[in-house]
Amino acid sequence: MRNRDFTSRLVSLFLLVLAIGFGTASQAQTHADERFLLGSGDLLRIVVFQNPDLSIDARVSGLDTVNFPLIGEISVRDLTPRQVEALIAKKLQDGQYVKAPQVLVNVTEYRSHLVSVLGNVNRPGRYPLDLDYSLSDIVAVAGGVTPAGADVVVLSRTENGTTKNTGYDLEARYLPGANPVQDVKLVAGDVVYVRRAPLFYIYGEVNRPGAFRLERNMTVQQAISAGGGITLRGTERGVRVARRDADGRTTDVPGVGPTTVIQADDVIYVRESVF
């Protein structure tokens, strides 16, 4: 009798440990995808505790349904995994298939509710909105902007059949004393594009003539430094900066000095000294 009570307590303790583990896993997954709305193509792992015959992998069909044993077709359209857990548990209990069922639904492969990240990021591709991602979040998930990438990120969003492109200066949000704009939240179908950073061009009497990335508020003096500095034959006097106007015509910028701020596609020419 004493052995039977001891065995019973061991079984109860074992079940309690399993239940705690199940709850912990469910809680962790809840944090991961509680806002993710299921859709066509998502692959689900559905586990019914203590009922291995009812634990399956199911792909959400093109009609946003899954086929579950004993229950049949279940619509999961715009439901979260947590809501599907409650739905399956209710149907199992209402049909008297399982008493007090404990159901866990995990998304093992995301195919719906995707956003695309393109251009100058380290890992371009399509990413699921398995969390409440903002624009800066998804750029980080894509590995961040490459050294050749621009500070301004373009968000392309289609609403009511109309596509609108909006630029967001992510770096400006973190400048000292800046009043950052709110980081925009992403929705399914968004396309994030990181353009190539703007360039300036320098030639003449510099040690490394060529094209260089234009930094924020860059001056002529800083541009010359990026070009390796002036050669022994060159001079700082008479530096020219050619710039295109709105009509595409190239003209020289008047009054150029070391502190003149340059713009994208400016062409800087460092002359040879006459002495």
C-alpha atoms as a PDB file:
ATOM      1  CA  MET A   1       0.000   0.000   0.000  1.00  0.00           C
ATOM      2  CA  ARG A   2       2.835   2.315   0.946  1.00  0.00           C
ATOM      3  CA  ASN A   3       4.621   1.477  -2.360  1.00  0.00           C
ATOM      4  CA  ARG A   4       1.452   2.210  -4.311  1.00  0.00           C
ATOM      5  CA  ASP A   5       1.110   5.656  -2.698  1.00  0.00           C
ATOM      6  CA  PHE A   6       4.768   6.388  -3.374  1.00  0.00           C
ATOM      7  CA  THR A   7       4.391   5.376  -7.033  1.00  0.00           C
ATOM      8  CA  SER A   8       1.263   7.491  -7.347  1.00  0.00           C
ATOM      9  CA  ARG A   9       3.087  10.515  -5.943  1.00  0.00           C
ATOM     10  CA  LEU A  10       5.980   9.955  -8.364  1.00  0.00           C
ATOM     11  CA  VAL A  11       3.585   9.825 -11.321  1.00  0.00           C
ATOM     12  CA  SER A  12       1.860  13.013 -10.133  1.00  0.00           C
ATOM     13  CA  LEU A  13       5.213  14.754  -9.734  1.00  0.00           C
ATOM     14  CA  PHE A  14       6.275  13.646 -13.219  1.00  0.00           C
ATOM     15  CA  LEU A  15       3.048  14.949 -14.737  1.00  0.00           C
ATOM     16  CA  LEU A  16       3.468  18.220 -12.870  1.00  0.00           C
ATOM     17  CA  VAL A  17       6.998  18.670 -14.228  1.00  0.00           C
ATOM     18  CA  LEU A  18       5.761  17.966 -17.754  1.00  0.00           C
ATOM     19  CA  ALA A  19       2.916  20.434 -17.324  1.00  0.00           C
ATOM     20  CA  ILE A  20       5.329  23.104 -16.087  1.00  0.00           C
ATOM     21  CA  GLY A  21       7.623  22.453 -19.050  1.00  0.00           C
ATOM     22  CA  PHE A  22       4.690  22.597 -21.406  1.00  0.00           C
ATOM     23  CA  GLY A  23       3.554  25.882 -19.879  1.00  0.00           C
ATOM     24  CA  THR A  24       7.046  27.375 -20.056  1.00  0.00           C
ATOM     25  CA  ALA A  25       7.430  26.445 -23.728  1.00  0.00           C
ATOM     26  CA  SER A  26       3.981  27.797 -24.464  1.00  0.00           C
ATOM     27  CA  GLN A  27       4.787  31.051 -22.659  1.00  0.00           C
ATOM     28  CA  ALA A  28       8.032  31.491 -24.605  1.00  0.00           C
ATOM     29  CA  GLN A  29       6.278  30.879 -27.901  1.00  0.00           C
ATOM     30  CA  THR A  30       3.483  33.236 -26.880  1.00  0.00           C
ATOM     31  CA  HIS A  31       6.044  36.004 -26.512  1.00  0.00           C
ATOM     32  CA  ALA A  32       7.460  35.143 -29.948  1.00  0.00           C
ATOM     33  CA  ASP A  33       4.339  35.095 -32.097  1.00  0.00           C
ATOM     34  CA  GLU A  34       1.301  36.189 -30.079  1.00  0.00           C
ATOM     35  CA  ARG A  35       0.624  38.986 -32.595  1.00  0.00           C
ATOM     36  CA  PHE A  36       1.297  36.921 -35.723  1.00  0.00           C
ATOM     37  CA  LEU A  37      -1.866  36.281 -37.726  1.00  0.00           C
ATOM     38  CA  LEU A  38      -1.800  32.937 -39.513  1.00  0.00           C
ATOM     39  CA  GLY A  39      -2.272  32.705 -43.243  1.00  0.00           C
ATOM     40  CA  SER A  40      -1.930  30.521 -46.299  1.00  0.00           C
ATOM     41  CA  GLY A  41       1.321  28.537 -46.473  1.00  0.00           C
ATOM     42  CA  ASP A  42       2.312  28.705 -42.807  1.00  0.00           C
ATOM     43  CA  LEU A  43       3.463  25.376 -41.366  1.00  0.00           C
ATOM     44  CA  LEU A  44       2.157  24.563 -37.888  1.00  0.00           C
ATOM     45  CA  ARG A  45       3.267  22.059 -35.286  1.00  0.00           C
ATOM     46  CA  ILE A  46       0.168  21.174 -33.243  1.00  0.00           C
ATOM     47  CA  VAL A  47       0.713  19.204 -30.025  1.00  0.00           C
ATOM     48  CA  VAL A  48      -2.037  17.847 -27.787  1.00  0.00           C
ATOM     49  CA  PHE A  49      -0.531  17.017 -24.398  1.00  0.00           C
ATOM     50  CA  GLN A  50      -0.697  13.278 -23.542  1.00  0.00           C
ATOM     51  CA  ASN A  51      -2.279  12.536 -26.938  1.00  0.00           C
ATOM     52  CA  PRO A  52       0.552  11.792 -29.383  1.00  0.00           C
ATOM     53  CA  ASP A  53      -1.875  10.506 -32.032  1.00  0.00           C
ATOM     54  CA  LEU A  54      -3.345  14.013 -32.224  1.00  0.00           C
ATOM     55  CA  SER A  55       0.023  15.788 -32.513  1.00  0.00           C
ATOM     56  CA  ILE A  56       0.624  16.712 -36.160  1.00  0.00           C
ATOM     57  CA  ASP A  57       2.398  19.033 -38.578  1.00  0.00           C
ATOM     58  CA  ALA A  58      -0.150  20.905 -40.677  1.00  0.00           C
ATOM     59  CA  ARG A  59       0.229  23.343 -43.563  1.00  0.00           C
ATOM     60  CA  VAL A  60      -2.346  26.124 -43.750  1.00  0.00           C
ATOM     61  CA  SER A  61      -4.178  25.654 -47.051  1.00  0.00           C
ATOM     62  CA  GLY A  62      -4.924  28.273 -49.687  1.00  0.00           C
ATOM     63  CA  LEU A  63      -8.330  28.664 -48.034  1.00  0.00           C
ATOM     64  CA  ASP A  64      -6.630  29.445 -44.699  1.00  0.00           C
ATOM     65  CA  THR A  65      -7.683  26.146 -43.133  1.00  0.00           C
ATOM     66  CA  VAL A  66      -5.967  23.179 -41.496  1.00  0.00           C
ATOM     67  CA  ASN A  67      -7.203  19.591 -41.346  1.00  0.00           C
ATOM     68  CA  PHE A  68      -7.086  18.248 -37.805  1.00  0.00           C
ATOM     69  CA  PRO A  69      -7.816  14.649 -36.700  1.00  0.00           C
ATOM     70  CA  LEU A  70     -11.338  14.002 -35.351  1.00  0.00           C
ATOM     71  CA  ILE A  71     -12.336  17.636 -35.938  1.00  0.00           C
ATOM     72  CA  GLY A  72     -11.785  18.076 -39.672  1.00  0.00           C
ATOM     73  CA  GLU A  73     -11.238  21.421 -41.419  1.00  0.00           C
ATOM     74  CA  ILE A  74     -10.609  24.394 -39.152  1.00  0.00           C
ATOM     75  CA  SER A  75     -10.452  27.967 -40.392  1.00  0.00           C
ATOM     76  CA  VAL A  76      -7.433  29.793 -38.991  1.00  0.00           C
ATOM     77  CA  ARG A  77      -7.771  32.953 -41.078  1.00  0.00           C
ATOM     78  CA  ASP A  78      -6.430  35.992 -39.195  1.00  0.00           C
ATOM     79  CA  LEU A  79      -6.099  34.011 -35.965  1.00  0.00           C
ATOM     80  CA  THR A  80      -3.004  33.945 -33.778  1.00  0.00           C
ATOM     81  CA  PRO A  81      -1.453  30.608 -32.724  1.00  0.00           C
ATOM     82  CA  ARG A  82      -2.833  31.210 -29.233  1.00  0.00           C
ATOM     83  CA  GLN A  83      -6.362  31.599 -30.595  1.00  0.00           C
ATOM     84  CA  VAL A  84      -5.990  28.401 -32.637  1.00  0.00           C
ATOM     85  CA  GLU A  85      -4.894  26.568 -29.489  1.00  0.00           C
ATOM     86  CA  ALA A  86      -8.089  27.671 -27.734  1.00  0.00           C
ATOM     87  CA  LEU A  87     -10.219  26.785 -30.777  1.00  0.00           C
ATOM     88  CA  ILE A  88      -8.833  23.242 -31.115  1.00  0.00           C
ATOM     89  CA  ALA A  89      -9.067  22.643 -27.370  1.00  0.00           C
ATOM     90  CA  LYS A  90     -12.727  23.714 -27.347  1.00  0.00           C
ATOM     91  CA  LYS A  91     -13.646  21.488 -30.298  1.00  0.00           C
ATOM     92  CA  LEU A  92     -11.867  18.483 -28.739  1.00  0.00           C
ATOM     93  CA  GLN A  93     -13.665  19.049 -25.463  1.00  0.00           C
ATOM     94  CA  ASP A  94     -17.069  19.802 -27.016  1.00  0.00           C
ATOM     95  CA  GLY A  95     -16.822  16.614 -29.086  1.00  0.00           C
ATOM     96  CA  GLN A  96     -15.820  14.684 -25.968  1.00  0.00           C
ATOM     97  CA  TYR A  97     -12.682  13.447 -27.719  1.00  0.00           C
ATOM     98  CA  VAL A  98     -10.281  14.654 -25.017  1.00  0.00           C
ATOM     99  CA  LYS A  99     -11.068  15.684 -21.480  1.00  0.00           C
ATOM    100  CA  ALA A 100      -9.503  19.045 -20.502  1.00  0.00           C
ATOM    101  CA  PRO A 101      -7.156  19.129 -23.559  1.00  0.00           C
ATOM    102  CA  GLN A 102      -3.950  21.123 -23.453  1.00  0.00           C
ATOM    103  CA  VAL A 103      -2.975  22.269 -26.945  1.00  0.00           C
ATOM    104  CA  LEU A 104       0.204  23.956 -28.152  1.00  0.00           C
ATOM    105  CA  VAL A 105       0.498  25.510 -31.633  1.00  0.00           C
ATOM    106  CA  ASN A 106       3.897  26.643 -32.915  1.00  0.00           C
ATOM    107  CA  VAL A 107       4.678  28.165 -36.299  1.00  0.00           C
ATOM    108  CA  THR A 108       7.650  26.216 -37.663  1.00  0.00           C
ATOM    109  CA  GLU A 109       7.709  27.840 -41.102  1.00  0.00           C
ATOM    110  CA  TYR A 110       6.397  31.285 -41.997  1.00  0.00           C
ATOM    111  CA  ARG A 111       5.007  31.777 -45.491  1.00  0.00           C
ATOM    112  CA  SER A 112       2.329  34.451 -45.019  1.00  0.00           C
ATOM    113  CA  HIS A 113       2.480  38.051 -43.770  1.00  0.00           C
ATOM    114  CA  LEU A 114       5.910  38.735 -45.205  1.00  0.00           C
ATOM    115  CA  VAL A 115       7.860  41.933 -45.815  1.00  0.00           C
ATOM    116  CA  SER A 116      10.680  42.324 -48.339  1.00  0.00           C
ATOM    117  CA  VAL A 117      13.993  44.008 -47.521  1.00  0.00           C
ATOM    118  CA  LEU A 118      15.990  44.917 -50.612  1.00  0.00           C
ATOM    119  CA  GLY A 119      18.975  46.951 -51.706  1.00  0.00           C
ATOM    120  CA  ASN A 120      22.071  47.703 -49.687  1.00  0.00           C
ATOM    121  CA  VAL A 121      21.538  45.502 -46.628  1.00  0.00           C
ATOM    122  CA  ASN A 122      23.710  42.578 -45.615  1.00  0.00           C
ATOM    123  CA  ARG A 123      20.967  39.934 -45.875  1.00  0.00           C
ATOM    124  CA  PRO A 124      18.295  41.022 -48.363  1.00  0.00           C
ATOM    125  CA  GLY A 125      15.237  38.786 -48.549  1.00  0.00           C
ATOM    126  CA  ARG A 126      11.684  38.213 -47.339  1.00  0.00           C
ATOM    127  CA  TYR A 127      11.006  38.174 -43.615  1.00  0.00           C
ATOM    128  CA  PRO A 128       7.888  37.168 -41.631  1.00  0.00           C
ATOM    129  CA  LEU A 129       6.130  39.577 -39.326  1.00  0.00           C
ATOM    130  CA  ASP A 130       6.352  37.077 -36.491  1.00  0.00           C
ATOM    131  CA  LEU A 131       6.874  40.002 -34.096  1.00  0.00           C
ATOM    132  CA  ASP A 132       5.646  43.585 -33.971  1.00  0.00           C
ATOM    133  CA  TYR A 133       8.458  44.889 -36.190  1.00  0.00           C
ATOM    134  CA  SER A 134       9.235  48.519 -36.894  1.00  0.00           C
ATOM    135  CA  LEU A 135      11.244  49.797 -39.852  1.00  0.00           C
ATOM    136  CA  SER A 136      14.505  49.940 -37.904  1.00  0.00           C
ATOM    137  CA  ASP A 137      13.824  46.477 -36.450  1.00  0.00           C
ATOM    138  CA  ILE A 138      13.502  44.817 -39.858  1.00  0.00           C
ATOM    139  CA  VAL A 139      16.662  46.540 -41.157  1.00  0.00           C
ATOM    140  CA  ALA A 140      18.500  45.078 -38.151  1.00  0.00           C
ATOM    141  CA  VAL A 141      17.013  41.626 -38.833  1.00  0.00           C
ATOM    142  CA  ALA A 142      18.332  41.922 -42.408  1.00  0.00           C
ATOM    143  CA  GLY A 143      21.851  42.404 -41.056  1.00  0.00           C
ATOM    144  CA  GLY A 144      21.907  46.189 -41.101  1.00  0.00           C
ATOM    145  CA  VAL A 145      22.860  48.624 -43.837  1.00  0.00           C
ATOM    146  CA  THR A 146      26.059  47.916 -45.789  1.00  0.00           C
ATOM    147  CA  PRO A 147      28.865  50.517 -45.872  1.00  0.00           C
ATOM    148  CA  ALA A 148      27.642  51.506 -49.338  1.00  0.00           C
ATOM    149  CA  GLY A 149      24.050  51.981 -48.142  1.00  0.00           C
ATOM    150  CA  ALA A 150      22.285  55.292 -47.657  1.00  0.00           C
ATOM    151  CA  ASP A 151      21.038  56.728 -44.365  1.00  0.00           C
ATOM    152  CA  VAL A 152      17.545  57.189 -45.796  1.00  0.00           C
ATOM    153  CA  VAL A 153      15.463  54.003 -46.058  1.00  0.00           C
ATOM    154  CA  VAL A 154      12.513  53.910 -48.473  1.00  0.00           C
ATOM    155  CA  LEU A 155       9.294  52.193 -47.397  1.00  0.00           C
ATOM    156  CA  SER A 156       6.988  51.153 -50.235  1.00  0.00           C
ATOM    157  CA  ARG A 157       3.439  50.421 -49.059  1.00  0.00           C
ATOM    158  CA  THR A 158       0.319  49.624 -51.059  1.00  0.00           C
ATOM    159  CA  GLU A 159      -3.046  50.702 -49.661  1.00  0.00           C
ATOM    160  CA  ASN A 160      -6.363  50.598 -51.529  1.00  0.00           C
ATOM    161  CA  GLY A 161      -4.549  49.783 -54.758  1.00  0.00           C
ATOM    162  CA  THR A 162      -2.184  52.767 -54.519  1.00  0.00           C
ATOM    163  CA  THR A 163       1.532  52.373 -53.798  1.00  0.00           C
ATOM    164  CA  LYS A 164       3.304  55.139 -51.913  1.00  0.00           C
ATOM    165  CA  ASN A 165       7.063  55.443 -51.369  1.00  0.00           C
ATOM    166  CA  THR A 166       8.210  57.272 -48.222  1.00  0.00           C
ATOM    167  CA  GLY A 167      11.776  57.968 -47.148  1.00  0.00           C
ATOM    168  CA  TYR A 168      12.813  57.652 -43.493  1.00  0.00           C
ATOM    169  CA  ASP A 169      16.142  58.975 -42.231  1.00  0.00           C
ATOM    170  CA  LEU A 170      17.057  56.316 -39.681  1.00  0.00           C
ATOM    171  CA  GLU A 171      20.399  57.837 -38.702  1.00  0.00           C
ATOM    172  CA  ALA A 172      18.812  61.215 -37.921  1.00  0.00           C
ATOM    173  CA  ARG A 173      16.801  59.537 -35.166  1.00  0.00           C
ATOM    174  CA  TYR A 174      19.980  58.964 -33.173  1.00  0.00           C
ATOM    175  CA  LEU A 175      21.900  62.208 -33.701  1.00  0.00           C
ATOM    176  CA  PRO A 176      22.663  64.221 -30.533  1.00  0.00           C
ATOM    177  CA  GLY A 177      19.859  66.658 -29.752  1.00  0.00           C
ATOM    178  CA  ALA A 178      17.667  65.298 -32.526  1.00  0.00           C
ATOM    179  CA  ASN A 179      13.895  65.186 -32.222  1.00  0.00           C
ATOM    180  CA  PRO A 180      13.348  61.788 -33.854  1.00  0.00           C
ATOM    181  CA  VAL A 181      10.224  60.943 -35.775  1.00  0.00           C
ATOM    182  CA  GLN A 182       8.277  57.903 -34.664  1.00  0.00           C
ATOM    183  CA  ASP A 183       9.623  54.609 -35.989  1.00  0.00           C
ATOM    184  CA  VAL A 184       6.961  53.337 -38.398  1.00  0.00           C
ATOM    185  CA  LYS A 185       5.391  49.908 -37.791  1.00  0.00           C
ATOM    186  CA  LEU A 186       5.389  47.439 -40.671  1.00  0.00           C
ATOM    187  CA  VAL A 187       2.436  45.595 -42.196  1.00  0.00           C
ATOM    188  CA  ALA A 188       2.300  42.559 -44.467  1.00  0.00           C
ATOM    189  CA  GLY A 189       3.319  43.313 -48.038  1.00  0.00           C
ATOM    190  CA  ASP A 190       5.610  46.236 -47.186  1.00  0.00           C
ATOM    191  CA  VAL A 191       8.806  46.571 -49.201  1.00  0.00           C
ATOM    192  CA  VAL A 192      11.833  48.188 -47.557  1.00  0.00           C
ATOM    193  CA  TYR A 193      14.543  49.424 -49.915  1.00  0.00           C
ATOM    194  CA  VAL A 194      17.946  50.809 -48.948  1.00  0.00           C
ATOM    195  CA  ARG A 195      19.429  52.843 -51.767  1.00  0.00           C
ATOM    196  CA  ARG A 196      23.107  53.269 -52.461  1.00  0.00           C
ATOM    197  CA  ALA A 197      24.604  56.162 -50.530  1.00  0.00           C
ATOM    198  CA  PRO A 198      25.078  59.422 -52.464  1.00  0.00           C
ATOM    199  CA  LEU A 199      28.540  60.050 -53.876  1.00  0.00           C
ATOM    200  CA  PHE A 200      30.793  62.983 -54.677  1.00  0.00           C
ATOM    201  CA  TYR A 201      33.698  63.026 -57.110  1.00  0.00           C
ATOM    202  CA  ILE A 202      37.133  64.549 -56.712  1.00  0.00           C
ATOM    203  CA  TYR A 203      39.981  64.790 -59.191  1.00  0.00           C
ATOM    204  CA  GLY A 204      43.033  66.845 -60.000  1.00  0.00           C
ATOM    205  CA  GLU A 205      45.888  67.242 -57.560  1.00  0.00           C
ATOM    206  CA  VAL A 206      44.749  64.837 -54.834  1.00  0.00           C
ATOM    207  CA  ASN A 207      46.415  61.598 -53.840  1.00  0.00           C
ATOM    208  CA  ARG A 208      43.365  59.385 -54.367  1.00  0.00           C
ATOM    209  CA  PRO A 209      41.075  60.836 -57.014  1.00  0.00           C
ATOM    210  CA  GLY A 210      37.750  59.076 -57.556  1.00  0.00           C
ATOM    211  CA  ALA A 211      34.216  58.672 -56.228  1.00  0.00           C
ATOM    212  CA  PHE A 212      33.539  58.702 -52.461  1.00  0.00           C
ATOM    213  CA  ARG A 213      30.585  58.363 -50.131  1.00  0.00           C
ATOM    214  CA  LEU A 214      29.015  61.682 -49.240  1.00  0.00           C
ATOM    215  CA  GLU A 215      28.729  61.976 -45.470  1.00  0.00           C
ATOM    216  CA  ARG A 216      26.201  64.153 -43.671  1.00  0.00           C
ATOM    217  CA  ASN A 217      27.121  67.900 -43.832  1.00  0.00           C
ATOM    218  CA  MET A 218      30.439  67.099 -45.503  1.00  0.00           C
ATOM    219  CA  THR A 219      32.655  70.103 -46.323  1.00  0.00           C
ATOM    220  CA  VAL A 220      35.143  70.681 -49.135  1.00  0.00           C
ATOM    221  CA  GLN A 221      37.994  70.290 -46.665  1.00  0.00           C
ATOM    222  CA  GLN A 222      36.655  66.905 -45.512  1.00  0.00           C
ATOM    223  CA  ALA A 223      36.135  65.813 -49.117  1.00  0.00           C
ATOM    224  CA  ILE A 224      39.749  66.626 -49.952  1.00  0.00           C
ATOM    225  CA  SER A 225      40.830  64.603 -46.916  1.00  0.00           C
ATOM    226  CA  ALA A 226      38.770  61.641 -48.160  1.00  0.00           C
ATOM    227  CA  GLY A 227      40.669  61.920 -51.431  1.00  0.00           C
ATOM    228  CA  GLY A 228      43.968  61.466 -49.615  1.00  0.00           C
ATOM    229  CA  GLY A 229      44.787  65.152 -49.307  1.00  0.00           C
ATOM    230  CA  ILE A 230      46.379  67.547 -51.774  1.00  0.00           C
ATOM    231  CA  THR A 231      49.549  66.490 -53.573  1.00  0.00           C
ATOM    232  CA  LEU A 232      52.775  68.480 -53.387  1.00  0.00           C
ATOM    233  CA  ARG A 233      51.884  70.006 -56.737  1.00  0.00           C
ATOM    234  CA  GLY A 234      48.386  71.056 -55.705  1.00  0.00           C
ATOM    235  CA  THR A 235      46.983  74.062 -53.918  1.00  0.00           C
ATOM    236  CA  GLU A 236      43.942  74.785 -51.769  1.00  0.00           C
ATOM    237  CA  ARG A 237      43.467  78.085 -53.569  1.00  0.00           C
ATOM    238  CA  GLY A 238      41.059  78.022 -56.461  1.00  0.00           C
ATOM    239  CA  VAL A 239      39.328  74.718 -55.662  1.00  0.00           C
ATOM    240  CA  ARG A 240      36.327  74.350 -57.966  1.00  0.00           C
ATOM    241  CA  VAL A 241      33.045  72.577 -57.252  1.00  0.00           C
ATOM    242  CA  ALA A 242      30.813  71.753 -60.214  1.00  0.00           C
ATOM    243  CA  ARG A 243      27.138  71.086 -59.483  1.00  0.00           C
ATOM    244  CA  ARG A 244      24.091  70.221 -61.573  1.00  0.00           C
ATOM    245  CA  ASP A 245      21.016  72.395 -61.281  1.00  0.00           C
ATOM    246  CA  ALA A 246      17.380  71.304 -61.520  1.00  0.00           C
ATOM    247  CA  ASP A 247      17.565  71.446 -65.336  1.00  0.00           C
ATOM    248  CA  GLY A 248      20.609  69.166 -65.468  1.00  0.00           C
ATOM    249  CA  ARG A 249      23.052  71.940 -66.379  1.00  0.00           C
ATOM    250  CA  THR A 250      26.459  71.914 -64.679  1.00  0.00           C
ATOM    251  CA  THR A 251      27.717  75.171 -63.218  1.00  0.00           C
ATOM    252  CA  ASP A 252      30.496  76.158 -60.820  1.00  0.00           C
ATOM    253  CA  VAL A 253      29.452  76.873 -57.225  1.00  0.00           C
ATOM    254  CA  PRO A 254      30.451  80.473 -56.381  1.00  0.00           C
ATOM    255  CA  GLY A 255      32.570  81.384 -53.366  1.00  0.00           C
ATOM    256  CA  VAL A 256      33.904  77.913 -52.636  1.00  0.00           C
ATOM    257  CA  GLY A 257      36.033  77.619 -49.494  1.00  0.00           C
ATOM    258  CA  PRO A 258      37.203  74.880 -47.095  1.00  0.00           C
ATOM    259  CA  THR A 259      33.936  75.011 -45.108  1.00  0.00           C
ATOM    260  CA  THR A 260      31.606  74.933 -48.123  1.00  0.00           C
ATOM    261  CA  VAL A 261      29.131  72.073 -47.698  1.00  0.00           C
ATOM    262  CA  ILE A 262      29.016  69.806 -50.724  1.00  0.00           C
ATOM    263  CA  GLN A 263      26.042  67.944 -52.149  1.00  0.00           C
ATOM    264  CA  ALA A 264      25.393  64.623 -53.860  1.00  0.00           C
ATOM    265  CA  ASP A 265      27.095  64.235 -57.251  1.00  0.00           C
ATOM    266  CA  ASP A 266      29.256  67.349 -56.779  1.00  0.00           C
ATOM    267  CA  VAL A 267      32.524  67.241 -58.715  1.00  0.00           C
ATOM    268  CA  ILE A 268      35.514  68.796 -56.936  1.00  0.00           C
ATOM    269  CA  TYR A 269      38.598  69.843 -58.865  1.00  0.00           C
ATOM    270  CA  VAL A 270      41.876  70.660 -57.097  1.00  0.00           C
ATOM    271  CA  ARG A 271      44.139  72.716 -59.284  1.00  0.00           C
ATOM    272  CA  GLU A 272      47.891  72.552 -59.702  1.00  0.00           C
ATOM    273  CA  SER A 273      49.852  75.305 -58.050  1.00  0.00           C
ATOM    274  CA  VAL A 274      51.345  77.831 -60.452  1.00  0.00           C
ATOM    275  CA  PHE A 275      54.344  78.426 -58.160  1.00  0.00           C
END
